Amino acid sequence: DPERAARYAAASPATVERYGGRYL
């Protein structure tokens, strides 16, 4: 479901960054 996946993809980076993560 690309629409749901896009909502998740938009929201998840802020949580990753909050815990010191960075996308490779």
PDB file of all heavy atoms in Angstrom:
ATOM      1  N   ASP A   1       0.864  -1.184   0.000  1.00  0.00           N
ATOM      2  CA  ASP A   1       0.000   0.000   0.000  1.00  0.00           C
ATOM      3  C   ASP A   1       0.902   1.235   0.000  1.00  0.00           C
ATOM      4  O   ASP A   1       1.310   1.713   1.067  1.00  0.00           O
ATOM      5  CB  ASP A   1      -0.920  -0.013   1.216  1.00  0.00           C
ATOM      6  CG  ASP A   1      -1.928   1.125   1.237  1.00  0.00           C
ATOM      7  OD1 ASP A   1      -1.636   2.203   0.661  1.00  0.00           O
ATOM      8  OD2 ASP A   1      -3.000   0.952   1.830  1.00  0.00           O
ATOM      9  N   PRO A   2       1.224   1.756  -1.185  1.00  0.00           N
ATOM     10  CA  PRO A   2       2.165   2.885  -1.270  1.00  0.00           C
ATOM     11  C   PRO A   2       1.722   4.124  -0.503  1.00  0.00           C
ATOM     12  O   PRO A   2       2.570   4.844   0.034  1.00  0.00           O
ATOM     13  CB  PRO A   2       2.235   3.168  -2.776  1.00  0.00           C
ATOM     14  CG  PRO A   2       1.833   1.899  -3.430  1.00  0.00           C
ATOM     15  CD  PRO A   2       0.836   1.265  -2.504  1.00  0.00           C
ATOM     16  N   GLU A   3       0.449   4.384  -0.414  1.00  0.00           N
ATOM     17  CA  GLU A   3      -0.034   5.571   0.297  1.00  0.00           C
ATOM     18  C   GLU A   3       0.272   5.475   1.790  1.00  0.00           C
ATOM     19  O   GLU A   3       0.788   6.416   2.391  1.00  0.00           O
ATOM     20  CB  GLU A   3      -1.532   5.747   0.061  1.00  0.00           C
ATOM     21  CG  GLU A   3      -2.076   7.062   0.573  1.00  0.00           C
ATOM     22  CD  GLU A   3      -3.535   7.236   0.204  1.00  0.00           C
ATOM     23  OE1 GLU A   3      -3.851   7.197  -1.002  1.00  0.00           O
ATOM     24  OE2 GLU A   3      -4.345   7.400   1.136  1.00  0.00           O
ATOM     25  N   ARG A   4      -0.033   4.335   2.382  1.00  0.00           N
ATOM     26  CA  ARG A   4       0.285   4.139   3.810  1.00  0.00           C
ATOM     27  C   ARG A   4       1.788   4.153   4.038  1.00  0.00           C
ATOM     28  O   ARG A   4       2.277   4.733   5.000  1.00  0.00           O
ATOM     29  CB  ARG A   4      -0.290   2.823   4.307  1.00  0.00           C
ATOM     30  CG  ARG A   4      -1.750   2.848   4.552  1.00  0.00           C
ATOM     31  CD  ARG A   4      -2.195   1.540   5.136  1.00  0.00           C
ATOM     32  NE  ARG A   4      -3.642   1.525   5.238  1.00  0.00           N
ATOM     33  CZ  ARG A   4      -4.325   0.658   5.936  1.00  0.00           C
ATOM     34  NH1 ARG A   4      -3.698  -0.302   6.582  1.00  0.00           N
ATOM     35  NH2 ARG A   4      -5.632   0.720   5.987  1.00  0.00           N
ATOM     36  N   ALA A   5       2.517   3.496   3.156  1.00  0.00           N
ATOM     37  CA  ALA A   5       3.973   3.446   3.298  1.00  0.00           C
ATOM     38  C   ALA A   5       4.572   4.847   3.219  1.00  0.00           C
ATOM     39  O   ALA A   5       5.515   5.167   3.940  1.00  0.00           O
ATOM     40  CB  ALA A   5       4.573   2.536   2.224  1.00  0.00           C
ATOM     41  N   ALA A   6       4.020   5.699   2.374  1.00  0.00           N
ATOM     42  CA  ALA A   6       4.520   7.073   2.237  1.00  0.00           C
ATOM     43  C   ALA A   6       4.289   7.872   3.520  1.00  0.00           C
ATOM     44  O   ALA A   6       5.149   8.662   3.921  1.00  0.00           O
ATOM     45  CB  ALA A   6       3.852   7.760   1.057  1.00  0.00           C
ATOM     46  N   ARG A   7       3.163   7.660   4.171  1.00  0.00           N
ATOM     47  CA  ARG A   7       2.902   8.357   5.449  1.00  0.00           C
ATOM     48  C   ARG A   7       3.919   7.928   6.504  1.00  0.00           C
ATOM     49  O   ARG A   7       4.445   8.750   7.252  1.00  0.00           O
ATOM     50  CB  ARG A   7       1.466   8.096   5.918  1.00  0.00           C
ATOM     51  CG  ARG A   7       0.423   8.847   5.117  1.00  0.00           C
ATOM     52  CD  ARG A   7      -0.922   8.856   5.804  1.00  0.00           C
ATOM     53  NE  ARG A   7      -1.480   7.528   6.012  1.00  0.00           N
ATOM     54  CZ  ARG A   7      -2.358   6.921   5.202  1.00  0.00           C
ATOM     55  NH1 ARG A   7      -2.779   7.537   4.128  1.00  0.00           N
ATOM     56  NH2 ARG A   7      -2.812   5.726   5.486  1.00  0.00           N
ATOM     57  N   TYR A   8       4.191   6.636   6.540  1.00  0.00           N
ATOM     58  CA  TYR A   8       5.191   6.123   7.475  1.00  0.00           C
ATOM     59  C   TYR A   8       6.576   6.698   7.149  1.00  0.00           C
ATOM     60  O   TYR A   8       7.287   7.164   8.033  1.00  0.00           O
ATOM     61  CB  TYR A   8       5.222   4.594   7.426  1.00  0.00           C
ATOM     62  CG  TYR A   8       6.397   4.001   8.139  1.00  0.00           C
ATOM     63  CD1 TYR A   8       6.416   3.927   9.530  1.00  0.00           C
ATOM     64  CD2 TYR A   8       7.503   3.529   7.444  1.00  0.00           C
ATOM     65  CE1 TYR A   8       7.506   3.390  10.203  1.00  0.00           C
ATOM     66  CE2 TYR A   8       8.593   2.998   8.105  1.00  0.00           C
ATOM     67  CZ  TYR A   8       8.590   2.932   9.477  1.00  0.00           C
ATOM     68  OH  TYR A   8       9.668   2.420  10.153  1.00  0.00           O
ATOM     69  N   ALA A   9       6.940   6.684   5.866  1.00  0.00           N
ATOM     70  CA  ALA A   9       8.251   7.178   5.446  1.00  0.00           C
ATOM     71  C   ALA A   9       8.438   8.650   5.764  1.00  0.00           C
ATOM     72  O   ALA A   9       9.547   9.097   6.038  1.00  0.00           O
ATOM     73  CB  ALA A   9       8.446   6.922   3.947  1.00  0.00           C
ATOM     74  N   ALA A  10       7.362   9.407   5.746  1.00  0.00           N
ATOM     75  CA  ALA A  10       7.452  10.839   6.060  1.00  0.00           C
ATOM     76  C   ALA A  10       7.615  11.075   7.559  1.00  0.00           C
ATOM     77  O   ALA A  10       8.261  12.038   7.978  1.00  0.00           O
ATOM     78  CB  ALA A  10       6.212  11.560   5.548  1.00  0.00           C
ATOM     79  N   ALA A  11       7.050  10.205   8.377  1.00  0.00           N
ATOM     80  CA  ALA A  11       7.046  10.412   9.829  1.00  0.00           C
ATOM     81  C   ALA A  11       8.233   9.776  10.553  1.00  0.00           C
ATOM     82  O   ALA A  11       8.623  10.248  11.617  1.00  0.00           O
ATOM     83  CB  ALA A  11       5.742   9.870  10.419  1.00  0.00           C
ATOM     84  N   SER A  12       8.809   8.734   9.991  1.00  0.00           N
ATOM     85  CA  SER A  12       9.844   8.001  10.730  1.00  0.00           C
ATOM     86  C   SER A  12      11.187   8.717  10.880  1.00  0.00           C
ATOM     87  O   SER A  12      11.847   8.544  11.905  1.00  0.00           O
ATOM     88  CB  SER A  12      10.040   6.608  10.119  1.00  0.00           C
ATOM     89  OG  SER A  12      10.425   6.703   8.780  1.00  0.00           O
ATOM     90  N   PRO A  13      11.650   9.538   9.926  1.00  0.00           N
ATOM     91  CA  PRO A  13      12.979  10.149  10.090  1.00  0.00           C
ATOM     92  C   PRO A  13      13.147  10.971  11.369  1.00  0.00           C
ATOM     93  O   PRO A  13      14.232  10.953  11.967  1.00  0.00           O
ATOM     94  CB  PRO A  13      13.128  11.030   8.849  1.00  0.00           C
ATOM     95  CG  PRO A  13      12.293  10.355   7.823  1.00  0.00           C
ATOM     96  CD  PRO A  13      11.108   9.830   8.593  1.00  0.00           C
ATOM     97  N   ALA A  14      12.132  11.671  11.805  1.00  0.00           N
ATOM     98  CA  ALA A  14      12.257  12.477  13.022  1.00  0.00           C
ATOM     99  C   ALA A  14      12.557  11.600  14.233  1.00  0.00           C
ATOM    100  O   ALA A  14      13.351  11.986  15.096  1.00  0.00           O
ATOM    101  CB  ALA A  14      10.993  13.298  13.249  1.00  0.00           C
ATOM    102  N   THR A  15      11.948  10.413  14.294  1.00  0.00           N
ATOM    103  CA  THR A  15      12.220   9.529  15.431  1.00  0.00           C
ATOM    104  C   THR A  15      13.624   8.954  15.340  1.00  0.00           C
ATOM    105  O   THR A  15      14.306   8.816  16.351  1.00  0.00           O
ATOM    106  CB  THR A  15      11.185   8.392  15.530  1.00  0.00           C
ATOM    107  OG1 THR A  15      11.308   7.509  14.409  1.00  0.00           O
ATOM    108  CG2 THR A  15       9.774   8.928  15.617  1.00  0.00           C
ATOM    109  N   VAL A  16      14.069   8.613  14.133  1.00  0.00           N
ATOM    110  CA  VAL A  16      15.422   8.089  13.941  1.00  0.00           C
ATOM    111  C   VAL A  16      16.450   9.121  14.410  1.00  0.00           C
ATOM    112  O   VAL A  16      17.364   8.810  15.177  1.00  0.00           O
ATOM    113  CB  VAL A  16      15.648   7.721  12.452  1.00  0.00           C
ATOM    114  CG1 VAL A  16      17.120   7.472  12.166  1.00  0.00           C
ATOM    115  CG2 VAL A  16      14.812   6.508  12.072  1.00  0.00           C
ATOM    116  N   GLU A  17      16.292  10.353  13.965  1.00  0.00           N
ATOM    117  CA  GLU A  17      17.230  11.412  14.327  1.00  0.00           C
ATOM    118  C   GLU A  17      17.245  11.667  15.830  1.00  0.00           C
ATOM    119  O   GLU A  17      18.306  11.936  16.404  1.00  0.00           O
ATOM    120  CB  GLU A  17      16.879  12.688  13.577  1.00  0.00           C
ATOM    121  CG  GLU A  17      17.154  12.576  12.093  1.00  0.00           C
ATOM    122  CD  GLU A  17      16.601  13.743  11.291  1.00  0.00           C
ATOM    123  OE1 GLU A  17      16.209  14.769  11.886  1.00  0.00           O
ATOM    124  OE2 GLU A  17      16.547  13.607  10.054  1.00  0.00           O
ATOM    125  N   ARG A  18      16.093  11.572  16.460  1.00  0.00           N
ATOM    126  CA  ARG A  18      15.997  11.811  17.901  1.00  0.00           C
ATOM    127  C   ARG A  18      16.860  10.831  18.695  1.00  0.00           C
ATOM    128  O   ARG A  18      17.311  11.134  19.800  1.00  0.00           O
ATOM    129  CB  ARG A  18      14.532  11.706  18.334  1.00  0.00           C
ATOM    130  CG  ARG A  18      14.255  12.278  19.698  1.00  0.00           C
ATOM    131  CD  ARG A  18      12.768  12.384  19.992  1.00  0.00           C
ATOM    132  NE  ARG A  18      12.145  13.302  19.048  1.00  0.00           N
ATOM    133  CZ  ARG A  18      11.016  13.046  18.358  1.00  0.00           C
ATOM    134  NH1 ARG A  18      10.388  11.924  18.525  1.00  0.00           N
ATOM    135  NH2 ARG A  18      10.513  13.926  17.526  1.00  0.00           N
ATOM    136  N   TYR A  19      17.108   9.650  18.140  1.00  0.00           N
ATOM    137  CA  TYR A  19      17.918   8.638  18.822  1.00  0.00           C
ATOM    138  C   TYR A  19      19.326   8.525  18.240  1.00  0.00           C
ATOM    139  O   TYR A  19      20.025   7.548  18.449  1.00  0.00           O
ATOM    140  CB  TYR A  19      17.186   7.288  18.808  1.00  0.00           C
ATOM    141  CG  TYR A  19      16.050   7.290  19.796  1.00  0.00           C
ATOM    142  CD1 TYR A  19      14.823   7.868  19.469  1.00  0.00           C
ATOM    143  CD2 TYR A  19      16.213   6.794  21.081  1.00  0.00           C
ATOM    144  CE1 TYR A  19      13.790   7.923  20.386  1.00  0.00           C
ATOM    145  CE2 TYR A  19      15.190   6.844  22.005  1.00  0.00           C
ATOM    146  CZ  TYR A  19      13.974   7.410  21.648  1.00  0.00           C
ATOM    147  OH  TYR A  19      12.953   7.470  22.572  1.00  0.00           O
ATOM    148  N   GLY A  20      19.732   9.542  17.499  1.00  0.00           N
ATOM    149  CA  GLY A  20      21.094   9.595  16.985  1.00  0.00           C
ATOM    150  C   GLY A  20      21.320   8.810  15.717  1.00  0.00           C
ATOM    151  O   GLY A  20      22.473   8.594  15.322  1.00  0.00           O
ATOM    152  N   GLY A  21      20.245   8.387  15.053  1.00  0.00           N
ATOM    153  CA  GLY A  21      20.392   7.608  13.835  1.00  0.00           C
ATOM    154  C   GLY A  21      20.520   8.483  12.602  1.00  0.00           C
ATOM    155  O   GLY A  21      20.111   9.643  12.603  1.00  0.00           O
ATOM    156  N   ARG A  22      21.118   7.900  11.568  1.00  0.00           N
ATOM    157  CA  ARG A  22      21.194   8.587  10.282  1.00  0.00           C
ATOM    158  C   ARG A  22      21.060   7.556   9.177  1.00  0.00           C
ATOM    159  O   ARG A  22      21.607   6.449   9.265  1.00  0.00           O
ATOM    160  CB  ARG A  22      22.467   9.397  10.139  1.00  0.00           C
ATOM    161  CG  ARG A  22      23.724   8.583  10.028  1.00  0.00           C
ATOM    162  CD  ARG A  22      24.961   9.497   9.967  1.00  0.00           C
ATOM    163  NE  ARG A  22      26.143   8.681   9.793  1.00  0.00           N
ATOM    164  CZ  ARG A  22      26.851   8.607   8.683  1.00  0.00           C
ATOM    165  NH1 ARG A  22      26.509   9.319   7.633  1.00  0.00           N
ATOM    166  NH2 ARG A  22      27.912   7.836   8.596  1.00  0.00           N
ATOM    167  N   TYR A  23      20.323   7.926   8.159  1.00  0.00           N
ATOM    168  CA  TYR A  23      20.080   7.027   7.036  1.00  0.00           C
ATOM    169  C   TYR A  23      21.337   6.926   6.176  1.00  0.00           C
ATOM    170  O   TYR A  23      21.919   7.930   5.790  1.00  0.00           O
ATOM    171  CB  TYR A  23      18.923   7.538   6.178  1.00  0.00           C
ATOM    172  CG  TYR A  23      17.586   7.360   6.846  1.00  0.00           C
ATOM    173  CD1 TYR A  23      17.072   8.328   7.691  1.00  0.00           C
ATOM    174  CD2 TYR A  23      16.840   6.208   6.638  1.00  0.00           C
ATOM    175  CE1 TYR A  23      15.844   8.172   8.312  1.00  0.00           C
ATOM    176  CE2 TYR A  23      15.609   6.029   7.253  1.00  0.00           C
ATOM    177  CZ  TYR A  23      15.119   7.010   8.090  1.00  0.00           C
ATOM    178  OH  TYR A  23      13.905   6.844   8.702  1.00  0.00           O
ATOM    179  N   LEU A  24      21.726   5.699   5.866  1.00  0.00           N
ATOM    180  CA  LEU A  24      22.826   5.448   4.942  1.00  0.00           C
ATOM    181  C   LEU A  24      22.289   5.026   3.582  1.00  0.00           C
ATOM    182  O   LEU A  24      22.909   5.289   2.561  1.00  0.00           O
ATOM    183  CB  LEU A  24      23.759   4.373   5.495  1.00  0.00           C
ATOM    184  CG  LEU A  24      24.408   4.683   6.840  1.00  0.00           C
ATOM    185  CD1 LEU A  24      25.303   3.532   7.269  1.00  0.00           C
ATOM    186  CD2 LEU A  24      25.205   5.979   6.771  1.00  0.00           C
TER     187      LEU A  24
END
